[in-house]
Amino acid sequence: IVTGSLQLANETLSMLAYLTSEAKIASHFANSALCNGLAAMLLDLLRKLAGPKVSDLKVEDPEKYFFRPKIMLTETIQIFLNFANEATFLRAAAVDGHYVSGGGTSFFKKAIKIVRRRCLLSEHDVDRFANVAKSLERYAAQAKEVEEKLDDAPD
């Protein structure tokens, strides 16, 4: 079951990275009903691949199960880069529970360290991903500010 699921996950992630590489198509994903779910899925995957419990992902003979965490991480980051100019997507990601409960950009910073250490992305792409993380921080701060203002609203 795991082998089949990971094969499907790998292919789905690759296809999503390919589809969103075209700006016109990425904008359709970002401005559709899929946006919130897509942001949640990508954040959850990034948190699992670079979050505090990343050491739990050790697998004996990972290729036997088609478990390719380096490829999954780079494709996940590439999808975030493809959405870097899509404010709707970034806002959805910034207010998602996976982002908020994951400590904001802490797992983004860990992902940056991993891809730098293993030379999985060009330095230009790593810098762009760091800018995506900064954008998420800004959108999260704006959302928190709005929420605080609404908390004082009368019933």
C-alpha atoms as a PDB file:
ATOM      1  CA  ILE A   1       0.000   0.000   0.000  1.00  0.00           C
ATOM      2  CA  VAL A   2       2.805   2.399   0.916  1.00  0.00           C
ATOM      3  CA  THR A   3       4.645   1.722  -2.339  1.00  0.00           C
ATOM      4  CA  GLY A   4       1.581   2.477  -4.442  1.00  0.00           C
ATOM      5  CA  SER A   5       0.682   5.543  -2.416  1.00  0.00           C
ATOM      6  CA  LEU A   6       4.186   6.987  -2.672  1.00  0.00           C
ATOM      7  CA  GLN A   7       4.312   6.349  -6.422  1.00  0.00           C
ATOM      8  CA  LEU A   8       1.033   8.222  -6.799  1.00  0.00           C
ATOM      9  CA  ALA A   9       2.223  11.030  -4.507  1.00  0.00           C
ATOM     10  CA  ASN A  10       5.472  11.404  -6.481  1.00  0.00           C
ATOM     11  CA  GLU A  11       3.646  11.571  -9.803  1.00  0.00           C
ATOM     12  CA  THR A  12       1.020  13.981  -8.471  1.00  0.00           C
ATOM     13  CA  LEU A  13       3.654  16.315  -7.053  1.00  0.00           C
ATOM     14  CA  SER A  14       5.656  16.215 -10.284  1.00  0.00           C
ATOM     15  CA  MET A  15       2.557  16.962 -12.336  1.00  0.00           C
ATOM     16  CA  LEU A  16       1.584  19.841 -10.055  1.00  0.00           C
ATOM     17  CA  ALA A  17       5.089  21.316 -10.300  1.00  0.00           C
ATOM     18  CA  TYR A  18       4.918  21.010 -14.081  1.00  0.00           C
ATOM     19  CA  LEU A  19       1.422  22.484 -14.397  1.00  0.00           C
ATOM     20  CA  THR A  20       2.100  25.447 -12.124  1.00  0.00           C
ATOM     21  CA  SER A  21       5.369  26.290 -13.888  1.00  0.00           C
ATOM     22  CA  GLU A  22       3.265  28.140 -16.461  1.00  0.00           C
ATOM     23  CA  ALA A  23       2.143  31.477 -14.934  1.00  0.00           C
ATOM     24  CA  LYS A  24      -1.268  31.430 -16.623  1.00  0.00           C
ATOM     25  CA  ILE A  25      -2.071  27.996 -15.233  1.00  0.00           C
ATOM     26  CA  ALA A  26      -0.695  28.831 -11.767  1.00  0.00           C
ATOM     27  CA  SER A  27      -3.002  31.840 -11.586  1.00  0.00           C
ATOM     28  CA  HIS A  28      -6.008  29.596 -12.259  1.00  0.00           C
ATOM     29  CA  PHE A  29      -5.012  27.322  -9.369  1.00  0.00           C
ATOM     30  CA  ALA A  30      -4.427  30.325  -7.102  1.00  0.00           C
ATOM     31  CA  ASN A  31      -7.779  31.937  -7.878  1.00  0.00           C
ATOM     32  CA  SER A  32      -9.954  28.865  -7.706  1.00  0.00           C
ATOM     33  CA  ALA A  33     -11.750  26.862  -5.058  1.00  0.00           C
ATOM     34  CA  LEU A  34      -8.645  24.643  -4.955  1.00  0.00           C
ATOM     35  CA  CYS A  35      -6.443  27.390  -3.522  1.00  0.00           C
ATOM     36  CA  ASN A  36      -7.028  26.809   0.210  1.00  0.00           C
ATOM     37  CA  GLY A  37      -6.767  23.027  -0.024  1.00  0.00           C
ATOM     38  CA  LEU A  38      -3.688  23.219  -2.219  1.00  0.00           C
ATOM     39  CA  ALA A  39      -1.967  25.604   0.179  1.00  0.00           C
ATOM     40  CA  ALA A  40      -2.838  23.354   3.139  1.00  0.00           C
ATOM     41  CA  MET A  41      -1.521  20.246   1.368  1.00  0.00           C
ATOM     42  CA  LEU A  42       1.739  21.875   0.338  1.00  0.00           C
ATOM     43  CA  LEU A  43       2.328  23.344   3.793  1.00  0.00           C
ATOM     44  CA  ASP A  44       1.646  20.016   5.461  1.00  0.00           C
ATOM     45  CA  LEU A  45       4.028  18.249   3.097  1.00  0.00           C
ATOM     46  CA  LEU A  46       6.728  20.872   3.605  1.00  0.00           C
ATOM     47  CA  ARG A  47       6.294  20.639   7.388  1.00  0.00           C
ATOM     48  CA  LYS A  48       6.662  16.851   7.236  1.00  0.00           C
ATOM     49  CA  LEU A  49       9.745  17.048   5.001  1.00  0.00           C
ATOM     50  CA  ALA A  50      11.496  19.848   6.889  1.00  0.00           C
ATOM     51  CA  GLY A  51       9.665  20.286  10.176  1.00  0.00           C
ATOM     52  CA  PRO A  52      10.526  19.269  13.712  1.00  0.00           C
ATOM     53  CA  LYS A  53       9.665  15.601  13.140  1.00  0.00           C
ATOM     54  CA  VAL A  54      11.739  15.171   9.973  1.00  0.00           C
ATOM     55  CA  SER A  55      13.955  12.629  11.734  1.00  0.00           C
ATOM     56  CA  ASP A  56      10.928  10.312  11.979  1.00  0.00           C
ATOM     57  CA  LEU A  57      11.056   9.873   8.195  1.00  0.00           C
ATOM     58  CA  LYS A  58      13.963   7.428   8.204  1.00  0.00           C
ATOM     59  CA  VAL A  59      13.166   4.411   6.049  1.00  0.00           C
ATOM     60  CA  GLU A  60      15.278   1.349   5.368  1.00  0.00           C
ATOM     61  CA  ASP A  61      15.736   0.953   1.624  1.00  0.00           C
ATOM     62  CA  PRO A  62      13.623   4.016   0.712  1.00  0.00           C
ATOM     63  CA  GLU A  63      13.887   3.371  -3.024  1.00  0.00           C
ATOM     64  CA  LYS A  64      12.086   0.055  -2.535  1.00  0.00           C
ATOM     65  CA  TYR A  65       9.052   2.093  -1.455  1.00  0.00           C
ATOM     66  CA  PHE A  66       9.663   4.922  -3.946  1.00  0.00           C
ATOM     67  CA  PHE A  67      10.284   7.263  -1.013  1.00  0.00           C
ATOM     68  CA  ARG A  68      12.302  10.155  -2.438  1.00  0.00           C
ATOM     69  CA  PRO A  69      12.254  12.951   0.146  1.00  0.00           C
ATOM     70  CA  LYS A  70      14.868  15.108  -1.602  1.00  0.00           C
ATOM     71  CA  ILE A  71      12.856  15.133  -4.819  1.00  0.00           C
ATOM     72  CA  MET A  72       9.612  15.697  -2.913  1.00  0.00           C
ATOM     73  CA  LEU A  73      11.164  18.633  -1.060  1.00  0.00           C
ATOM     74  CA  THR A  74      12.558  20.277  -4.188  1.00  0.00           C
ATOM     75  CA  GLU A  75       9.284  19.856  -6.080  1.00  0.00           C
ATOM     76  CA  THR A  76       7.284  21.238  -3.151  1.00  0.00           C
ATOM     77  CA  ILE A  77       9.577  24.256  -3.005  1.00  0.00           C
ATOM     78  CA  GLN A  78       9.328  24.633  -6.782  1.00  0.00           C
ATOM     79  CA  ILE A  79       5.533  24.764  -6.503  1.00  0.00           C
ATOM     80  CA  PHE A  80       5.827  27.494  -3.862  1.00  0.00           C
ATOM     81  CA  LEU A  81       8.155  29.357  -6.216  1.00  0.00           C
ATOM     82  CA  ASN A  82       5.618  28.977  -9.010  1.00  0.00           C
ATOM     83  CA  PHE A  83       3.038  30.661  -6.759  1.00  0.00           C
ATOM     84  CA  ALA A  84       5.452  33.352  -5.508  1.00  0.00           C
ATOM     85  CA  ASN A  85       3.572  36.123  -7.350  1.00  0.00           C
ATOM     86  CA  GLU A  86       0.080  34.882  -6.497  1.00  0.00           C
ATOM     87  CA  ALA A  87      -1.115  36.962  -3.540  1.00  0.00           C
ATOM     88  CA  THR A  88      -4.313  34.924  -3.177  1.00  0.00           C
ATOM     89  CA  PHE A  89      -2.347  31.715  -2.729  1.00  0.00           C
ATOM     90  CA  LEU A  90       0.136  33.315  -0.317  1.00  0.00           C
ATOM     91  CA  ARG A  91      -2.697  34.764   1.799  1.00  0.00           C
ATOM     92  CA  ALA A  92      -4.390  31.362   1.918  1.00  0.00           C
ATOM     93  CA  ALA A  93      -1.131  29.725   2.981  1.00  0.00           C
ATOM     94  CA  ALA A  94      -0.400  32.378   5.614  1.00  0.00           C
ATOM     95  CA  VAL A  95      -3.683  31.845   7.447  1.00  0.00           C
ATOM     96  CA  ASP A  96      -3.749  28.059   7.111  1.00  0.00           C
ATOM     97  CA  GLY A  97      -3.557  26.016  10.297  1.00  0.00           C
ATOM     98  CA  HIS A  98      -0.506  24.081   9.067  1.00  0.00           C
ATOM     99  CA  TYR A  99       1.428  27.339   8.762  1.00  0.00           C
ATOM    100  CA  VAL A 100       0.225  28.839  12.021  1.00  0.00           C
ATOM    101  CA  SER A 101       0.584  25.681  14.141  1.00  0.00           C
ATOM    102  CA  GLY A 102       3.915  24.851  12.498  1.00  0.00           C
ATOM    103  CA  GLY A 103       5.529  27.938  13.989  1.00  0.00           C
ATOM    104  CA  GLY A 104       5.246  30.171  10.955  1.00  0.00           C
ATOM    105  CA  THR A 105       8.322  30.060   8.795  1.00  0.00           C
ATOM    106  CA  SER A 106      10.426  27.822  11.070  1.00  0.00           C
ATOM    107  CA  PHE A 107      10.048  24.823   8.760  1.00  0.00           C
ATOM    108  CA  PHE A 108      10.677  27.099   5.771  1.00  0.00           C
ATOM    109  CA  LYS A 109      14.015  28.062   7.325  1.00  0.00           C
ATOM    110  CA  LYS A 110      14.843  24.406   7.929  1.00  0.00           C
ATOM    111  CA  ALA A 111      13.928  23.576   4.317  1.00  0.00           C
ATOM    112  CA  ILE A 112      16.286  26.335   3.152  1.00  0.00           C
ATOM    113  CA  LYS A 113      19.102  24.849   5.245  1.00  0.00           C
ATOM    114  CA  ILE A 114      18.451  21.382   3.823  1.00  0.00           C
ATOM    115  CA  VAL A 115      18.420  22.447   0.172  1.00  0.00           C
ATOM    116  CA  ARG A 116      21.518  24.603   0.655  1.00  0.00           C
ATOM    117  CA  ARG A 117      23.447  21.886   2.484  1.00  0.00           C
ATOM    118  CA  ARG A 118      22.546  19.234  -0.102  1.00  0.00           C
ATOM    119  CA  CYS A 119      22.781  21.608  -3.107  1.00  0.00           C
ATOM    120  CA  LEU A 120      19.278  20.645  -4.255  1.00  0.00           C
ATOM    121  CA  LEU A 121      18.400  24.072  -5.703  1.00  0.00           C
ATOM    122  CA  SER A 122      20.301  26.936  -7.231  1.00  0.00           C
ATOM    123  CA  GLU A 123      21.196  29.781  -4.890  1.00  0.00           C
ATOM    124  CA  HIS A 124      18.843  32.015  -6.871  1.00  0.00           C
ATOM    125  CA  ASP A 125      15.911  29.675  -6.182  1.00  0.00           C
ATOM    126  CA  VAL A 126      16.860  29.381  -2.512  1.00  0.00           C
ATOM    127  CA  ASP A 127      16.804  33.183  -2.247  1.00  0.00           C
ATOM    128  CA  ARG A 128      13.433  33.305  -4.006  1.00  0.00           C
ATOM    129  CA  PHE A 129      12.073  30.715  -1.570  1.00  0.00           C
ATOM    130  CA  ALA A 130      13.348  32.800   1.357  1.00  0.00           C
ATOM    131  CA  ASN A 131      11.400  35.723  -0.126  1.00  0.00           C
ATOM    132  CA  VAL A 132       8.269  33.552  -0.272  1.00  0.00           C
ATOM    133  CA  ALA A 133       8.750  32.828   3.438  1.00  0.00           C
ATOM    134  CA  LYS A 134       9.033  36.566   4.131  1.00  0.00           C
ATOM    135  CA  SER A 135       5.871  37.216   2.133  1.00  0.00           C
ATOM    136  CA  LEU A 136       4.031  34.601   4.180  1.00  0.00           C
ATOM    137  CA  GLU A 137       5.186  36.300   7.381  1.00  0.00           C
ATOM    138  CA  ARG A 138       3.820  39.630   6.126  1.00  0.00           C
ATOM    139  CA  TYR A 139       0.466  38.130   5.109  1.00  0.00           C
ATOM    140  CA  ALA A 140       0.199  36.266   8.425  1.00  0.00           C
ATOM    141  CA  ALA A 141       0.891  39.484  10.350  1.00  0.00           C
ATOM    142  CA  GLN A 142      -1.752  41.329   8.328  1.00  0.00           C
ATOM    143  CA  ALA A 143      -4.297  38.572   8.948  1.00  0.00           C
ATOM    144  CA  LYS A 144      -3.530  38.604  12.673  1.00  0.00           C
ATOM    145  CA  GLU A 145      -3.938  42.376  12.768  1.00  0.00           C
ATOM    146  CA  VAL A 146      -7.329  42.154  11.047  1.00  0.00           C
ATOM    147  CA  GLU A 147      -8.411  39.369  13.401  1.00  0.00           C
ATOM    148  CA  GLU A 148      -7.413  41.417  16.446  1.00  0.00           C
ATOM    149  CA  LYS A 149      -9.439  44.374  15.168  1.00  0.00           C
ATOM    150  CA  LEU A 150     -12.472  42.140  14.617  1.00  0.00           C
ATOM    151  CA  ASP A 151     -12.200  40.673  18.122  1.00  0.00           C
ATOM    152  CA  ASP A 152     -13.239  44.066  19.524  1.00  0.00           C
ATOM    153  CA  ALA A 153     -16.341  44.199  17.355  1.00  0.00           C
ATOM    154  CA  PRO A 154     -19.644  44.159  19.262  1.00  0.00           C
ATOM    155  CA  ASP A 155     -21.954  41.170  18.885  1.00  0.00           C
END
